C-alpha atoms as a PDB file:
ATOM      1  CA  UNK A   1     -23.747 -17.942 -12.073  1.00  0.00           C
ATOM      2  CA  UNK A   2     -20.220 -16.654 -12.844  1.00  0.00           C
ATOM      3  CA  UNK A   3     -18.056 -16.662  -9.703  1.00  0.00           C
ATOM      4  CA  UNK A   4     -14.790 -15.371 -11.128  1.00  0.00           C
ATOM      5  CA  UNK A   5     -13.717 -11.890 -12.105  1.00  0.00           C
ATOM      6  CA  UNK A   6     -10.789 -10.157 -13.758  1.00  0.00           C
ATOM      7  CA  UNK A   7      -8.517  -8.891 -10.952  1.00  0.00           C
ATOM      8  CA  UNK A   8      -5.429  -6.701 -10.680  1.00  0.00           C
ATOM      9  CA  UNK A   9      -3.384  -7.683  -7.606  1.00  0.00           C
ATOM     10  CA  UNK A  10      -1.052  -5.219  -5.888  1.00  0.00           C
ATOM     11  CA  UNK A  11       0.516  -4.692  -2.481  1.00  0.00           C
ATOM     12  CA  UNK A  12       1.619  -1.949  -0.113  1.00  0.00           C
ATOM     13  CA  UNK A  13       3.645  -2.221   3.090  1.00  0.00           C
ATOM     14  CA  UNK A  14       3.980   0.015   6.131  1.00  0.00           C
ATOM     15  CA  UNK A  15       7.570  -0.530   7.292  1.00  0.00           C
ATOM     16  CA  UNK A  16       7.903   0.687  10.896  1.00  0.00           C
ATOM     17  CA  UNK A  17      10.767   1.616  13.156  1.00  0.00           C
ATOM     18  CA  UNK A  18       9.100   2.621  16.415  1.00  0.00           C
ATOM     19  CA  UNK A  19       6.664   5.437  15.501  1.00  0.00           C
ATOM     20  CA  UNK A  20       8.630   6.207  12.317  1.00  0.00           C
ATOM     21  CA  UNK A  21       7.276   4.805   9.062  1.00  0.00           C
ATOM     22  CA  UNK A  22       8.836   4.514   5.640  1.00  0.00           C
ATOM     23  CA  UNK A  23       6.996   6.484   2.949  1.00  0.00           C
ATOM     24  CA  UNK A  24       7.516   7.123  -0.730  1.00  0.00           C
ATOM     25  CA  UNK A  25       6.726  10.184  -2.784  1.00  0.00           C
ATOM     26  CA  UNK A  26       5.399   8.036  -5.598  1.00  0.00           C
ATOM     27  CA  UNK A  27       5.139   9.319  -9.138  1.00  0.00           C
ATOM     28  CA  UNK A  28       1.766   8.535 -10.735  1.00  0.00           C
ATOM     29  CA  UNK A  29       0.470   9.209 -14.256  1.00  0.00           C
ATOM     30  CA  UNK A  30      -1.490  12.213 -12.950  1.00  0.00           C
ATOM     31  CA  UNK A  31       1.013  13.561 -10.416  1.00  0.00           C
ATOM     32  CA  UNK A  32       2.613  12.359  -7.205  1.00  0.00           C
ATOM     33  CA  UNK A  33       1.711  11.716  -3.603  1.00  0.00           C
ATOM     34  CA  UNK A  34       3.015  10.231  -0.375  1.00  0.00           C
ATOM     35  CA  UNK A  35       2.189   6.528   0.029  1.00  0.00           C
ATOM     36  CA  UNK A  36       3.676   3.434   1.592  1.00  0.00           C
ATOM     37  CA  UNK A  37       5.886   1.559  -0.899  1.00  0.00           C
ATOM     38  CA  UNK A  38       4.533  -1.372  -2.871  1.00  0.00           C
ATOM     39  CA  UNK A  39       3.551  -2.507  -6.336  1.00  0.00           C
ATOM     40  CA  UNK A  40       2.083  -5.220  -8.526  1.00  0.00           C
ATOM     41  CA  UNK A  41       1.937  -8.941  -7.864  1.00  0.00           C
ATOM     42  CA  UNK A  42       3.491 -10.837 -10.767  1.00  0.00           C
ATOM     43  CA  UNK A  43       1.723 -13.777 -12.433  1.00  0.00           C
ATOM     44  CA  UNK A  44       1.742 -16.836 -10.114  1.00  0.00           C
ATOM     45  CA  UNK A  45       3.853 -14.992  -7.498  1.00  0.00           C
ATOM     46  CA  UNK A  46       3.009 -15.614  -3.833  1.00  0.00           C
ATOM     47  CA  UNK A  47       1.600 -12.473  -2.189  1.00  0.00           C
ATOM     48  CA  UNK A  48       4.229 -12.343   0.573  1.00  0.00           C
ATOM     49  CA  UNK A  49       7.043 -12.806  -1.954  1.00  0.00           C
ATOM     50  CA  UNK A  50       5.602  -9.967  -4.030  1.00  0.00           C
ATOM     51  CA  UNK A  51       5.641  -7.466  -1.179  1.00  0.00           C
ATOM     52  CA  UNK A  52       9.181  -8.463  -0.152  1.00  0.00           C
ATOM     53  CA  UNK A  53      10.322  -8.013  -3.773  1.00  0.00           C
ATOM     54  CA  UNK A  54       8.518  -4.688  -4.272  1.00  0.00           C
ATOM     55  CA  UNK A  55       9.854  -3.176  -1.043  1.00  0.00           C
ATOM     56  CA  UNK A  56      13.372  -4.192  -2.021  1.00  0.00           C
ATOM     57  CA  UNK A  57      12.995  -2.754  -5.552  1.00  0.00           C
ATOM     58  CA  UNK A  58      11.653   0.582  -4.292  1.00  0.00           C
ATOM     59  CA  UNK A  59      13.659   1.056  -1.068  1.00  0.00           C
ATOM     60  CA  UNK A  60      16.690  -1.279  -1.180  1.00  0.00           C
ATOM     61  CA  UNK A  61      15.504  -2.740   2.159  1.00  0.00           C
ATOM     62  CA  UNK A  62      14.889  -6.438   2.692  1.00  0.00           C
ATOM     63  CA  UNK A  63      11.811  -6.873   4.863  1.00  0.00           C
ATOM     64  CA  UNK A  64      11.006  -9.938   6.927  1.00  0.00           C
ATOM     65  CA  UNK A  65       7.757 -11.363   8.258  1.00  0.00           C
ATOM     66  CA  UNK A  66       5.324  -8.960   6.587  1.00  0.00           C
ATOM     67  CA  UNK A  67       1.900  -9.361   8.210  1.00  0.00           C
ATOM     68  CA  UNK A  68      -1.264  -8.964   6.156  1.00  0.00           C
ATOM     69  CA  UNK A  69      -3.415  -6.421   7.968  1.00  0.00           C
ATOM     70  CA  UNK A  70      -6.113  -5.625   5.412  1.00  0.00           C
ATOM     71  CA  UNK A  71      -7.064  -4.806   1.832  1.00  0.00           C
ATOM     72  CA  UNK A  72      -8.017  -1.771  -0.202  1.00  0.00           C
ATOM     73  CA  UNK A  73     -10.114  -2.520  -3.263  1.00  0.00           C
ATOM     74  CA  UNK A  74     -12.444  -1.094  -5.876  1.00  0.00           C
ATOM     75  CA  UNK A  75     -14.017  -2.015  -9.194  1.00  0.00           C
ATOM     76  CA  UNK A  76     -12.616  -0.189 -12.216  1.00  0.00           C
ATOM     77  CA  UNK A  77     -14.980   1.303 -14.802  1.00  0.00           C
ATOM     78  CA  UNK A  78     -14.143  -1.590 -17.159  1.00  0.00           C
ATOM     79  CA  UNK A  79     -15.309  -4.098 -14.513  1.00  0.00           C
ATOM     80  CA  UNK A  80     -11.888  -5.251 -13.302  1.00  0.00           C
ATOM     81  CA  UNK A  81     -11.416  -5.440  -9.516  1.00  0.00           C
ATOM     82  CA  UNK A  82      -8.263  -3.719  -8.250  1.00  0.00           C
ATOM     83  CA  UNK A  83      -7.015  -5.210  -4.965  1.00  0.00           C
ATOM     84  CA  UNK A  84      -4.210  -3.813  -2.799  1.00  0.00           C
ATOM     85  CA  UNK A  85      -3.016  -6.189  -0.068  1.00  0.00           C
ATOM     86  CA  UNK A  86      -1.922  -4.090   2.922  1.00  0.00           C
ATOM     87  CA  UNK A  87       1.067  -5.438   4.854  1.00  0.00           C
ATOM     88  CA  UNK A  88       2.982  -4.228   7.887  1.00  0.00           C
ATOM     89  CA  UNK A  89       6.409  -5.100   9.307  1.00  0.00           C
ATOM     90  CA  UNK A  90       9.034  -3.779  11.695  1.00  0.00           C
ATOM     91  CA  UNK A  91      11.714  -6.248  10.605  1.00  0.00           C
ATOM     92  CA  UNK A  92      14.075  -5.127   7.849  1.00  0.00           C
ATOM     93  CA  UNK A  93      17.731  -4.839   6.894  1.00  0.00           C
ATOM     94  CA  UNK A  94      19.770  -2.938   4.332  1.00  0.00           C
ATOM     95  CA  UNK A  95      20.587   0.652   3.466  1.00  0.00           C
ATOM     96  CA  UNK A  96      17.686   2.864   2.410  1.00  0.00           C
ATOM     97  CA  UNK A  97      17.914   4.052  -1.200  1.00  0.00           C
ATOM     98  CA  UNK A  98      15.288   5.611  -3.467  1.00  0.00           C
ATOM     99  CA  UNK A  99      14.405   4.209  -6.879  1.00  0.00           C
ATOM    100  CA  UNK A 100      13.037   5.712 -10.078  1.00  0.00           C
ATOM    101  CA  UNK A 101       9.544   5.054  -8.650  1.00  0.00           C
ATOM    102  CA  UNK A 102      10.003   7.885  -6.143  1.00  0.00           C
ATOM    103  CA  UNK A 103      11.897   9.329  -3.202  1.00  0.00           C
ATOM    104  CA  UNK A 104      11.719   7.234   0.014  1.00  0.00           C
ATOM    105  CA  UNK A 105      12.174   8.637   3.518  1.00  0.00           C
ATOM    106  CA  UNK A 106      11.216   8.094   7.160  1.00  0.00           C
ATOM    107  CA  UNK A 107       8.514  10.182   8.816  1.00  0.00           C
ATOM    108  CA  UNK A 108       6.615  10.159  12.094  1.00  0.00           C
ATOM    109  CA  UNK A 109       3.325   8.289  11.806  1.00  0.00           C
ATOM    110  CA  UNK A 110       1.625  10.829  14.075  1.00  0.00           C
ATOM    111  CA  UNK A 111       2.310  13.659  11.598  1.00  0.00           C
ATOM    112  CA  UNK A 112       2.107  11.761   8.295  1.00  0.00           C
ATOM    113  CA  UNK A 113      -1.224  13.366   7.400  1.00  0.00           C
ATOM    114  CA  UNK A 114       0.493  16.777   7.342  1.00  0.00           C
ATOM    115  CA  UNK A 115       2.349  15.591   4.212  1.00  0.00           C
ATOM    116  CA  UNK A 116       0.788  15.585   0.702  1.00  0.00           C
ATOM    117  CA  UNK A 117      -0.494  12.008   1.101  1.00  0.00           C
ATOM    118  CA  UNK A 118      -2.860  10.209  -1.262  1.00  0.00           C
ATOM    119  CA  UNK A 119      -6.453  11.282  -0.565  1.00  0.00           C
ATOM    120  CA  UNK A 120      -7.607   8.263   1.479  1.00  0.00           C
ATOM    121  CA  UNK A 121      -4.456   7.791   3.591  1.00  0.00           C
ATOM    122  CA  UNK A 122      -6.365   8.760   6.748  1.00  0.00           C
ATOM    123  CA  UNK A 123      -8.636   5.757   6.272  1.00  0.00           C
ATOM    124  CA  UNK A 124      -5.769   3.443   5.354  1.00  0.00           C
ATOM    125  CA  UNK A 125      -4.053   4.376   8.632  1.00  0.00           C
ATOM    126  CA  UNK A 126      -7.136   3.082  10.440  1.00  0.00           C
ATOM    127  CA  UNK A 127      -6.247  -0.322   8.966  1.00  0.00           C
ATOM    128  CA  UNK A 128      -2.434  -0.134   9.160  1.00  0.00           C
ATOM    129  CA  UNK A 129      -1.949   1.605  12.511  1.00  0.00           C
ATOM    130  CA  UNK A 130      -5.184   1.380  14.486  1.00  0.00           C
ATOM    131  CA  UNK A 131      -6.295  -2.035  13.175  1.00  0.00           C
ATOM    132  CA  UNK A 132      -9.927  -0.848  13.381  1.00  0.00           C
ATOM    133  CA  UNK A 133     -10.952  -2.317  10.016  1.00  0.00           C
ATOM    134  CA  UNK A 134      -9.764  -4.923   7.540  1.00  0.00           C
ATOM    135  CA  UNK A 135     -11.070  -3.498   4.241  1.00  0.00           C
ATOM    136  CA  UNK A 136     -11.222  -0.112   2.567  1.00  0.00           C
ATOM    137  CA  UNK A 137     -13.596  -0.438  -0.384  1.00  0.00           C
ATOM    138  CA  UNK A 138     -13.843   2.520  -2.745  1.00  0.00           C
ATOM    139  CA  UNK A 139     -17.267   2.918  -4.338  1.00  0.00           C
ATOM    140  CA  UNK A 140     -16.849   4.382  -7.816  1.00  0.00           C
ATOM    141  CA  UNK A 141     -20.557   5.033  -8.356  1.00  0.00           C
ATOM    142  CA  UNK A 142     -20.671   7.308  -5.298  1.00  0.00           C
ATOM    143  CA  UNK A 143     -17.795   9.537  -6.395  1.00  0.00           C
ATOM    144  CA  UNK A 144     -15.076   7.247  -5.006  1.00  0.00           C
ATOM    145  CA  UNK A 145     -16.563   7.246  -1.535  1.00  0.00           C
ATOM    146  CA  UNK A 146     -14.358   5.209   0.829  1.00  0.00           C
ATOM    147  CA  UNK A 147     -16.248   2.546   2.787  1.00  0.00           C
ATOM    148  CA  UNK A 148     -14.506   0.931   5.732  1.00  0.00           C
ATOM    149  CA  UNK A 149     -15.624  -2.621   6.443  1.00  0.00           C
END
């Protein structure tokens, strides 16, 4: 029995300052939406190093001690698994600056869902902020139904 699969590894980090969180109006192929900053894990790159690098590239902030709080994942139509490692930190330094990936800004976590966020942000907040679940699995065959585990 085959026990390996083709995987795309990515990360996302909720950077907090009290009840303020850093968000990015990220530009996607099919539009844009408010997300937490993050990106792809490079070949053979440690996961923590990847999130530190991505946050710096997209925000100009250097984060410290990112804590893994969960994952978001799904299986693409071509069979590849797409995994997003969800991190959280309140330790950072530097001067906030946007990149060509999108505009970054601080917002109140209690009103974040009033912004044009990506469609499953409400469920991701249950991992990031409430720590109710550890995995958000998106089922493609059920019309991208989010399943919290």
